[in-house]
Amino acid sequence: MAAVERIIPGTFSKVPGGYEQKIDERTKIFVPDMCAASFIPETGELHGYAPDYDALEAAKSPAVHANKPGEYPYYYEMDHAPTGCDFSADLAYYGKHYFLRPLRDGLPRLHGRGITYNESDGTYMVTLRAYDKLKEQYKIMRERCLD
């Protein structure tokens, strides 16, 4: 993973196994040696490593453009989100239904068996069977997790 150096705020001192900053009599901040990029003992300035988010975004595969109805899955860590989709889908915790969120204005209101609309947040709760039918009519993006 790409990393950049950044300053860690505060004045640190070298201790066995790393660096510490004393906050008060009972509180200290400890930074292990493996997390420190450089240390200047005269000033107590400590630099650590931080992810290079620009490099991580550039390494992702390009976004897929949704041009026909169906489900467009992607992994946030590796892919850019698909473009041109009508809805975004999230599987519910127990896996019994999906939550659909409209991604653009002008979509017709969904209705039918297994589809419930939540007025307060503008989302739909749909059963697995209703979701399968909606995939045939709409372009739906679904974020997956690397578990």
Protein backbone atom coordinates (compact mmCIF):
# COMPACT_ATOMS: atom_id res chain seq x y z
CA MET A 1 0.00 0.00 0.00
CA ALA A 2 1.24 3.45 -0.86
CA ALA A 3 2.04 5.72 2.09
CA VAL A 4 3.12 9.30 2.67
CA GLU A 5 4.86 10.90 5.64
CA ARG A 6 2.89 13.24 7.88
CA ILE A 7 3.73 15.06 11.10
CA ILE A 8 2.16 13.76 14.30
CA PRO A 9 1.17 16.80 16.39
CA GLY A 10 2.92 17.27 19.72
CA THR A 11 6.37 16.95 21.28
CA PHE A 12 7.57 13.37 21.67
CA SER A 13 10.46 11.71 23.44
CA LYS A 14 12.15 8.39 22.69
CA VAL A 15 11.23 5.49 25.00
CA PRO A 16 11.92 1.75 24.66
CA GLY A 17 9.83 0.39 21.76
CA GLY A 18 8.68 3.75 20.41
CA TYR A 19 7.90 7.36 21.23
CA GLU A 20 5.66 8.98 23.82
CA GLN A 21 4.03 12.31 24.46
CA LYS A 22 3.07 13.12 28.04
CA ILE A 23 -0.36 14.73 28.37
CA ASP A 24 -0.59 14.82 32.19
CA GLU A 25 0.62 12.72 35.16
CA ARG A 26 -1.51 9.71 34.16
CA THR A 27 -1.99 10.11 30.40
CA LYS A 28 0.57 9.44 27.66
CA ILE A 29 0.31 8.95 23.91
CA PHE A 30 2.50 6.10 22.65
CA VAL A 31 3.56 5.60 19.03
CA PRO A 32 5.35 2.30 18.28
CA ASP A 33 8.63 2.30 16.33
CA MET A 34 7.00 0.57 13.35
CA CYS A 35 4.56 3.48 12.90
CA ALA A 36 7.20 6.23 12.97
CA ALA A 37 8.81 7.42 9.74
CA SER A 38 11.33 9.84 11.29
CA PHE A 39 12.12 11.51 14.61
CA ILE A 40 14.06 14.71 15.37
CA PRO A 41 15.29 14.43 19.01
CA GLU A 42 16.23 18.12 19.33
CA THR A 43 12.67 19.34 18.67
CA GLY A 44 10.67 16.23 19.58
CA GLU A 45 9.06 16.28 16.13
CA LEU A 46 7.71 12.91 15.05
CA HIS A 47 6.62 11.93 11.55
CA GLY A 48 4.41 8.93 10.89
CA TYR A 49 3.00 7.08 7.89
CA ALA A 50 -0.43 7.81 6.42
CA PRO A 51 -2.15 6.14 3.46
CA ASP A 52 -1.72 7.85 0.10
CA TYR A 53 -5.40 8.10 -0.79
CA ASP A 54 -4.75 9.62 -4.22
CA ALA A 55 -2.62 6.62 -5.21
CA LEU A 56 -5.23 4.21 -3.86
CA GLU A 57 -8.00 5.89 -5.89
CA ALA A 58 -5.84 5.86 -9.03
CA ALA A 59 -5.23 2.11 -8.62
CA LYS A 60 -8.94 1.26 -8.69
CA SER A 61 -10.41 -0.24 -11.85
CA PRO A 62 -12.48 2.18 -13.95
CA ALA A 63 -16.20 2.60 -13.43
CA VAL A 64 -18.57 0.46 -15.47
CA HIS A 65 -21.37 2.31 -17.25
CA ALA A 66 -24.77 0.66 -16.75
CA ASN A 67 -26.38 0.47 -20.18
CA LYS A 68 -29.05 -2.20 -19.63
CA PRO A 69 -31.18 -3.41 -16.71
CA GLY A 70 -29.53 -5.64 -14.14
CA GLU A 71 -27.39 -5.65 -11.02
CA TYR A 72 -23.98 -3.98 -11.15
CA PRO A 73 -21.90 -5.13 -8.15
CA TYR A 74 -18.63 -3.48 -7.18
CA TYR A 75 -16.10 -3.51 -4.33
CA TYR A 76 -15.39 -0.05 -2.92
CA GLU A 77 -11.77 -0.92 -2.13
CA MET A 78 -10.97 -2.08 -5.69
CA ASP A 79 -13.50 -0.55 -8.09
CA HIS A 80 -15.12 2.78 -8.83
CA ALA A 81 -18.92 2.81 -8.45
CA PRO A 82 -20.85 2.12 -11.66
CA THR A 83 -22.39 5.08 -13.44
CA GLY A 84 -25.83 5.47 -14.96
CA CYS A 85 -27.69 3.36 -12.38
CA ASP A 86 -31.24 3.99 -11.21
CA PHE A 87 -31.02 2.57 -7.67
CA SER A 88 -28.45 1.66 -5.06
CA ALA A 89 -29.12 -1.60 -3.17
CA ASP A 90 -28.01 -2.76 0.28
CA LEU A 91 -28.74 -6.22 1.61
CA ALA A 92 -30.41 -6.17 5.04
CA TYR A 93 -28.59 -7.54 8.07
CA TYR A 94 -30.39 -10.90 8.17
CA GLY A 95 -30.52 -11.21 4.38
CA LYS A 96 -34.32 -11.32 4.10
CA HIS A 97 -34.75 -8.11 2.08
CA TYR A 98 -32.95 -5.25 0.33
CA PHE A 99 -33.02 -1.50 0.87
CA LEU A 100 -33.19 0.46 -2.39
CA ARG A 101 -32.29 4.14 -2.63
CA PRO A 102 -33.13 6.11 -5.81
CA LEU A 103 -30.03 7.68 -7.37
CA ARG A 104 -31.74 10.21 -9.61
CA ASP A 105 -34.95 12.22 -9.86
CA GLY A 106 -37.76 11.33 -12.21
CA LEU A 107 -37.94 7.60 -11.48
CA PRO A 108 -41.45 6.16 -11.21
CA ARG A 109 -42.59 5.22 -7.73
CA LEU A 110 -42.17 1.49 -7.11
CA HIS A 111 -45.20 -0.45 -5.91
CA GLY A 112 -46.39 -4.02 -5.74
CA ARG A 113 -46.11 -7.11 -3.61
CA GLY A 114 -42.99 -7.15 -1.45
CA ILE A 115 -42.21 -3.43 -1.90
CA THR A 116 -42.60 -0.97 0.98
CA TYR A 117 -41.83 2.75 0.64
CA ASN A 118 -40.43 4.70 3.60
CA GLU A 119 -41.61 8.31 3.31
CA SER A 120 -39.21 9.72 5.92
CA ASP A 121 -35.98 8.81 4.13
CA GLY A 122 -37.24 8.13 0.60
CA THR A 123 -36.07 4.50 0.42
CA TYR A 124 -37.73 1.21 -0.42
CA MET A 125 -37.61 -2.08 1.45
CA VAL A 126 -38.08 -4.97 -0.98
CA THR A 127 -38.16 -8.72 -0.51
CA LEU A 128 -35.69 -11.01 -2.28
CA ARG A 129 -38.29 -12.07 -4.84
CA ALA A 130 -39.32 -8.49 -5.58
CA TYR A 131 -35.63 -7.54 -5.93
CA ASP A 132 -35.12 -10.25 -8.55
CA LYS A 133 -38.02 -8.82 -10.56
CA LEU A 134 -36.76 -5.24 -10.18
CA LYS A 135 -33.31 -6.25 -11.49
CA GLU A 136 -34.99 -7.15 -14.79
CA GLN A 137 -36.46 -3.63 -15.13
CA TYR A 138 -33.92 -1.25 -13.55
CA LYS A 139 -30.17 -0.67 -13.38
CA ILE A 140 -29.16 -1.33 -9.76
CA MET A 141 -25.70 -0.90 -8.27
CA ARG A 142 -24.74 -2.90 -5.21
CA GLU A 143 -21.66 -2.36 -3.07
CA ARG A 144 -20.08 -5.57 -1.83
CA CYS A 145 -17.68 -6.04 1.07
CA LEU A 146 -14.33 -7.81 1.13
CA ASP A 147 -14.98 -10.21 4.01
